[in-house]
Amino acid sequence: MKKIIIGARGSKLSLAYAAKVKKLILDSEAGLSSDLIEIRTIKTSGDIHHDKKLSEIGGKNLFCKEIEDSLLKKDIDVAVHSLKDMASEEIKSLNIAAYIERNDPRDVFISFKFKNINELKKSGIVGSSSRRRDLQLKELSKDTKIKNIRGNIDTRIQKLKDGLYDGIILALAGLRTLNLEKHSTQIFSTEEMLPAVGQGVIAAQCRKEDSFINSVLEKIDHRATRQCATAERSLLKTVGGDCDTAIGGLAVIKNNELILSGQLFSDDGEKFFTHKIKGNIDDGTSIGKLVGNKLLNLAENNFIKTK
């Protein structure tokens, strides 16, 4: 049997995600041995330019572009991404064949000086890599000073230890995956900080034409996660914008209904708009469009859709 080659970024977190996908495939494919699945690291533009804001170098999809290029060139068979890093517009010849069961989507505050965000003094500096988090944080603690931070989780925590920041904001899912949750100081509720679209979800992508890999990945696809991700990505696609657009979106399934919450900040960051809709669990695309269009209507001229 031909080797299955999984491509991912070289960070500890990305490799942990790739290893999880590999294990799920092995668990679901009787007779497939570990030596028939190879994990290949691919350096992305987002990793190379780690000292600049993503908005300055072309947006968050820079964590996915080179991996998708390798998939298109057939250098790899499966691309593993953090779903929140993926553009809402998919490449037509590629397919997210598996959404791995979602980890905790919430954001966390980490500090070695303060127990929670409210204890920060006016001079306190919080590291954040997301405009969404920046503005949500300002709503929770208006005097907080926010400074851009880049790098993998270990790097960011080290910068915090070195005293470059008084606190940092990270995704809980990444910390849990790397067994670093012990560093969490405060876990924000989704009402306090609505997560990024797709936060906590691993996406396994392949070529649409590759029927074998599609069939392999379909066996590890988590239906409820797919339903929620479909709604969230439909919301993101409807609103449009760019990597500087501050938008949050989270879908959950309760009592066999899908509930999608969306939050959009104005271009100047001074206002935000929220909307929530519930509906059929299989109507994620239409629910996402409804929430997205409602947010655009609420924002009116405060948000200029860029695409």
Protein backbone atom coordinates (compact mmCIF):
# COMPACT_ATOMS: atom_id res chain seq x y z
CA MET A 1 0.00 0.00 0.00
CA LYS A 2 1.17 3.51 -0.84
CA LYS A 3 2.25 5.69 2.08
CA ILE A 4 -0.16 8.34 3.28
CA ILE A 5 1.76 11.59 3.77
CA ILE A 6 0.33 14.13 6.20
CA GLY A 7 1.57 17.70 5.92
CA ALA A 8 1.56 20.19 8.78
CA ARG A 9 3.44 23.16 10.18
CA GLY A 10 6.52 22.40 12.24
CA SER A 11 5.31 23.88 15.53
CA LYS A 12 4.75 21.56 18.49
CA LEU A 13 1.04 22.27 18.36
CA SER A 14 0.68 21.59 14.62
CA LEU A 15 2.67 18.36 14.92
CA ALA A 16 0.46 17.31 17.84
CA TYR A 17 -2.58 17.93 15.64
CA ALA A 18 -1.03 15.88 12.83
CA ALA A 19 -0.21 13.07 15.26
CA LYS A 20 -3.83 13.07 16.43
CA VAL A 21 -5.08 12.77 12.85
CA LYS A 22 -2.61 9.93 12.24
CA LYS A 23 -3.81 8.06 15.35
CA LEU A 24 -7.46 8.49 14.40
CA ILE A 25 -6.73 7.11 10.92
CA LEU A 26 -4.86 4.13 12.37
CA ASP A 27 -7.71 3.45 14.82
CA SER A 28 -10.28 3.53 12.04
CA GLU A 29 -8.37 1.63 9.34
CA ALA A 30 -7.90 -2.06 10.19
CA GLY A 31 -4.69 -3.42 8.69
CA LEU A 32 -3.02 -0.03 8.22
CA SER A 33 0.32 0.12 10.05
CA SER A 34 1.97 3.19 11.55
CA ASP A 35 4.90 3.05 9.13
CA LEU A 36 2.48 3.64 6.25
CA ILE A 37 1.61 7.11 7.51
CA GLU A 38 4.32 9.77 7.41
CA ILE A 39 4.10 13.25 8.92
CA ARG A 40 5.97 15.86 6.90
CA THR A 41 6.67 19.36 8.22
CA ILE A 42 6.16 22.34 5.94
CA LYS A 43 7.38 25.84 6.75
CA THR A 44 4.76 28.48 6.04
CA SER A 45 5.06 32.22 5.42
CA GLY A 46 3.37 32.80 8.76
CA ASP A 47 6.18 30.89 10.49
CA ILE A 48 8.96 32.65 8.59
CA HIS A 49 7.74 36.20 9.26
CA HIS A 50 7.08 35.64 12.95
CA ASP A 51 8.11 39.15 14.00
CA LYS A 52 5.35 40.97 12.11
CA LYS A 53 1.61 41.33 12.45
CA LEU A 54 -0.27 38.92 10.19
CA SER A 55 -2.13 41.85 8.64
CA GLU A 56 1.21 43.29 7.48
CA ILE A 57 2.24 40.14 5.60
CA GLY A 58 -1.00 39.08 3.97
CA GLY A 59 -3.33 37.59 6.54
CA LYS A 60 -3.85 34.49 8.61
CA ASN A 61 -4.11 32.10 5.62
CA LEU A 62 -0.30 32.36 5.45
CA PHE A 63 -0.30 29.47 7.95
CA CYS A 64 -2.07 27.33 5.35
CA LYS A 65 -0.95 28.46 1.89
CA GLU A 66 2.27 26.46 1.53
CA ILE A 67 0.63 23.36 2.97
CA GLU A 68 -2.25 23.66 0.51
CA ASP A 69 0.27 24.21 -2.31
CA SER A 70 1.97 20.93 -1.34
CA LEU A 71 -1.41 19.23 -1.42
CA LEU A 72 -2.16 20.63 -4.88
CA LYS A 73 1.28 19.48 -6.13
CA LYS A 74 0.62 16.00 -4.68
CA ASP A 75 3.66 16.19 -2.42
CA ILE A 76 1.35 15.31 0.48
CA ASP A 77 -2.00 13.52 0.70
CA VAL A 78 -3.51 15.15 3.79
CA ALA A 79 -3.12 18.72 5.03
CA VAL A 80 -3.72 19.32 8.74
CA HIS A 81 -4.72 22.82 9.81
CA SER A 82 -6.12 24.64 12.78
CA LEU A 83 -9.49 25.54 11.28
CA LYS A 84 -9.37 29.13 12.55
CA ASP A 85 -6.26 29.70 10.37
CA MET A 86 -8.09 28.78 7.16
CA ALA A 87 -9.60 31.27 4.74
CA SER A 88 -13.39 31.14 4.46
CA GLU A 89 -13.09 30.72 0.69
CA GLU A 90 -11.88 27.20 -0.04
CA ILE A 91 -9.81 26.19 -3.05
CA LYS A 92 -12.25 24.47 -5.41
CA SER A 93 -10.16 21.34 -5.96
CA LEU A 94 -9.60 20.80 -2.24
CA ASN A 95 -11.94 19.48 0.41
CA ILE A 96 -12.07 19.48 4.21
CA ALA A 97 -12.89 15.78 4.44
CA ALA A 98 -12.69 15.57 8.23
CA TYR A 99 -13.42 17.93 11.08
CA ILE A 100 -11.90 16.43 14.22
CA GLU A 101 -14.05 16.56 17.36
CA ARG A 102 -13.79 20.04 18.77
CA ASN A 103 -11.60 20.83 21.76
CA ASP A 104 -12.62 23.58 24.20
CA PRO A 105 -13.04 26.76 22.07
CA ARG A 106 -12.57 29.30 24.87
CA ASP A 107 -9.77 31.86 25.30
CA VAL A 108 -7.61 32.11 28.41
CA PHE A 109 -5.63 34.77 30.23
CA ILE A 110 -2.18 33.75 31.45
CA SER A 111 -0.17 35.82 33.92
CA PHE A 112 2.49 35.18 36.54
CA LYS A 113 1.59 38.46 38.29
CA PHE A 114 -2.18 38.68 38.33
CA LYS A 115 -5.01 36.24 39.13
CA ASN A 116 -7.36 37.66 36.52
CA ILE A 117 -7.74 40.42 33.98
CA ASN A 118 -9.43 42.73 36.51
CA GLU A 119 -6.29 42.81 38.67
CA LEU A 120 -4.21 44.35 35.92
CA LYS A 121 -3.02 47.83 36.70
CA LYS A 122 -3.40 50.61 34.15
CA SER A 123 0.24 50.15 33.23
CA GLY A 124 -0.17 46.42 32.63
CA ILE A 125 0.62 45.13 29.13
CA VAL A 126 -1.23 42.17 27.62
CA GLY A 127 0.10 40.29 24.60
CA SER A 128 -2.44 39.43 21.92
CA SER A 129 -2.14 38.39 18.28
CA SER A 130 -5.76 39.01 17.33
CA ARG A 131 -7.72 42.21 16.81
CA ARG A 132 -10.84 40.36 17.94
CA ARG A 133 -9.19 39.59 21.29
CA ASP A 134 -7.80 43.12 21.53
CA LEU A 135 -11.23 44.70 21.27
CA GLN A 136 -13.00 42.12 23.42
CA LEU A 137 -10.35 42.69 26.08
CA LYS A 138 -10.94 46.44 25.94
CA GLU A 139 -14.61 45.78 26.67
CA LEU A 140 -13.66 43.76 29.76
CA SER A 141 -10.87 46.04 30.97
CA LYS A 142 -10.86 49.41 29.24
CA ASP A 143 -7.52 50.60 30.66
CA THR A 144 -5.58 47.54 29.54
CA LYS A 145 -2.62 48.19 27.25
CA ILE A 146 -2.36 45.66 24.45
CA LYS A 147 0.80 44.80 22.57
CA ASN A 148 1.15 42.49 19.57
CA ILE A 149 2.71 39.09 20.25
CA ARG A 150 3.71 36.39 17.76
CA GLY A 151 5.35 32.99 17.96
CA ASN A 152 4.27 29.52 19.06
CA ILE A 153 2.79 28.83 22.50
CA ASP A 154 6.13 28.03 24.16
CA THR A 155 7.66 31.22 22.75
CA ARG A 156 4.79 33.37 24.00
CA ILE A 157 4.89 31.88 27.48
CA GLN A 158 8.66 32.45 27.57
CA LYS A 159 8.17 36.10 26.58
CA LEU A 160 5.75 36.36 29.49
CA LYS A 161 8.31 34.80 31.86
CA ASP A 162 10.93 37.23 30.56
CA GLY A 163 8.75 40.14 31.66
CA LEU A 164 8.00 41.48 28.18
CA TYR A 165 4.29 41.26 29.00
CA ASP A 166 2.22 41.20 32.19
CA GLY A 167 -0.24 38.76 30.66
CA ILE A 168 -1.09 37.05 27.38
CA ILE A 169 -4.25 35.71 25.76
CA LEU A 170 -4.19 32.24 24.18
CA ALA A 171 -6.64 29.59 23.03
CA LEU A 172 -7.39 26.96 25.66
CA ALA A 173 -7.46 24.20 23.03
CA GLY A 174 -3.78 24.65 22.19
CA LEU A 175 -2.75 24.68 25.84
CA ARG A 176 -4.70 21.48 26.52
CA THR A 177 -3.23 19.73 23.50
CA LEU A 178 0.30 20.46 24.73
CA ASN A 179 -0.52 19.74 28.39
CA LEU A 180 0.15 23.38 29.31
CA GLU A 181 -3.25 24.14 30.81
CA LYS A 182 -1.59 24.51 34.22
CA HIS A 183 -0.48 27.97 33.08
CA SER A 184 -4.10 29.15 32.68
CA THR A 185 -4.89 31.97 35.08
CA GLN A 186 -8.41 32.78 33.93
CA ILE A 187 -10.67 31.05 31.41
CA PHE A 188 -12.98 33.52 29.70
CA SER A 189 -16.59 32.52 29.19
CA THR A 190 -17.81 32.64 25.60
CA GLU A 191 -20.02 35.56 26.68
CA GLU A 192 -16.91 37.49 27.75
CA MET A 193 -14.85 36.57 24.69
CA LEU A 194 -16.67 34.95 21.79
CA PRO A 195 -14.02 32.77 20.11
CA ALA A 196 -12.67 32.98 16.59
CA VAL A 197 -14.56 31.03 13.97
CA GLY A 198 -13.29 27.44 14.03
CA GLN A 199 -11.30 27.83 17.27
CA GLY A 200 -10.57 24.43 18.82
CA VAL A 201 -11.19 22.49 15.59
CA ILE A 202 -8.61 20.54 13.57
CA ALA A 203 -9.33 20.32 9.85
CA ALA A 204 -8.01 17.48 7.68
CA GLN A 205 -7.96 18.55 4.05
CA CYS A 206 -7.32 16.56 0.87
CA ARG A 207 -7.78 16.71 -2.89
CA LYS A 208 -11.39 16.21 -4.01
CA GLU A 209 -10.24 13.84 -6.73
CA ASP A 210 -8.46 11.53 -4.26
CA SER A 211 -11.28 9.09 -3.52
CA PHE A 212 -9.13 6.82 -1.32
CA ILE A 213 -7.97 9.60 1.03
CA ASN A 214 -11.48 11.06 1.12
CA SER A 215 -12.85 7.69 2.21
CA VAL A 216 -10.13 7.37 4.87
CA LEU A 217 -10.82 10.83 6.30
CA GLU A 218 -14.59 10.45 6.21
CA LYS A 219 -14.26 7.73 8.86
CA ILE A 220 -12.71 10.19 11.35
CA ASP A 221 -15.05 13.10 10.59
CA HIS A 222 -17.02 14.25 13.66
CA ARG A 223 -20.55 15.06 12.53
CA ALA A 224 -21.51 17.57 15.23
CA THR A 225 -18.22 19.45 14.81
CA ARG A 226 -18.78 19.57 11.04
CA GLN A 227 -22.28 20.96 11.54
CA CYS A 228 -21.02 23.69 13.87
CA ALA A 229 -17.99 24.51 11.71
CA THR A 230 -20.18 24.78 8.62
CA ALA A 231 -22.34 27.41 10.32
CA GLU A 232 -19.36 29.38 11.65
CA ARG A 233 -17.54 29.39 8.31
CA SER A 234 -20.72 30.45 6.52
CA LEU A 235 -20.95 33.40 8.94
CA LEU A 236 -17.34 34.36 8.25
CA LYS A 237 -17.79 34.07 4.49
CA THR A 238 -20.95 36.19 4.58
CA VAL A 239 -19.36 39.00 6.58
CA GLY A 240 -16.19 38.95 4.50
CA GLY A 241 -13.60 41.45 5.67
CA ASP A 242 -9.94 40.64 6.08
CA CYS A 243 -7.50 39.48 8.75
CA ASP A 244 -7.97 42.76 10.62
CA THR A 245 -11.73 42.24 10.83
CA ALA A 246 -12.68 41.65 14.47
CA ILE A 247 -15.29 38.91 14.34
CA GLY A 248 -16.23 36.09 16.66
CA GLY A 249 -18.48 33.14 15.96
CA LEU A 250 -19.44 30.02 17.85
CA ALA A 251 -22.01 27.34 17.06
CA VAL A 252 -23.18 24.80 19.62
CA ILE A 253 -25.73 21.99 19.44
CA LYS A 254 -28.30 21.80 22.25
CA ASN A 255 -31.54 19.79 22.31
CA ASN A 256 -30.93 18.78 18.72
CA GLU A 257 -30.82 22.42 17.57
CA LEU A 258 -27.87 24.39 16.26
CA ILE A 259 -27.34 27.75 17.98
CA LEU A 260 -24.98 30.21 16.28
CA SER A 261 -23.72 33.35 18.04
CA GLY A 262 -21.89 36.04 16.10
CA GLN A 263 -20.09 39.24 17.10
CA LEU A 264 -18.74 41.91 14.78
CA PHE A 265 -16.80 45.04 15.75
CA SER A 266 -16.94 48.27 13.81
CA ASP A 267 -13.93 49.24 11.71
CA ASP A 268 -12.84 51.78 14.32
CA GLY A 269 -13.31 49.26 17.13
CA GLU A 270 -15.58 51.56 19.10
CA LYS A 271 -18.79 49.57 18.69
CA PHE A 272 -19.75 45.93 18.44
CA PHE A 273 -22.83 44.11 17.22
CA THR A 274 -24.13 40.69 18.22
CA HIS A 275 -26.76 38.30 16.95
CA LYS A 276 -27.82 34.75 17.72
CA ILE A 277 -30.00 32.34 15.75
CA LYS A 278 -31.06 28.75 16.38
CA GLY A 279 -32.21 26.27 13.78
CA ASN A 280 -31.94 22.80 12.29
CA ILE A 281 -28.55 21.15 12.89
CA ASP A 282 -28.17 20.48 9.16
CA ASP A 283 -28.92 24.06 8.11
CA GLY A 284 -25.54 25.49 9.14
CA THR A 285 -24.88 27.25 5.84
CA SER A 286 -28.17 29.15 5.84
CA ILE A 287 -27.96 29.91 9.59
CA GLY A 288 -24.46 31.33 9.06
CA LYS A 289 -25.72 33.54 6.24
CA LEU A 290 -28.61 34.80 8.36
CA VAL A 291 -26.37 35.73 11.29
CA GLY A 292 -23.76 37.27 8.99
CA ASN A 293 -26.26 39.41 7.11
CA LYS A 294 -27.92 40.52 10.35
CA LEU A 295 -24.54 41.64 11.74
CA LEU A 296 -23.86 43.59 8.53
CA ASN A 297 -27.30 45.24 8.79
CA LEU A 298 -26.74 46.14 12.43
CA ALA A 299 -23.29 47.58 11.69
CA GLU A 300 -24.50 49.61 8.69
CA ASN A 301 -21.74 52.08 7.75
CA ASN A 302 -19.68 51.23 10.81
CA PHE A 303 -18.27 48.22 8.99
CA ILE A 304 -17.21 48.27 5.35
CA LYS A 305 -17.23 44.80 3.84
CA THR A 306 -14.07 44.40 1.79
CA LYS A 307 -14.98 41.36 -0.28
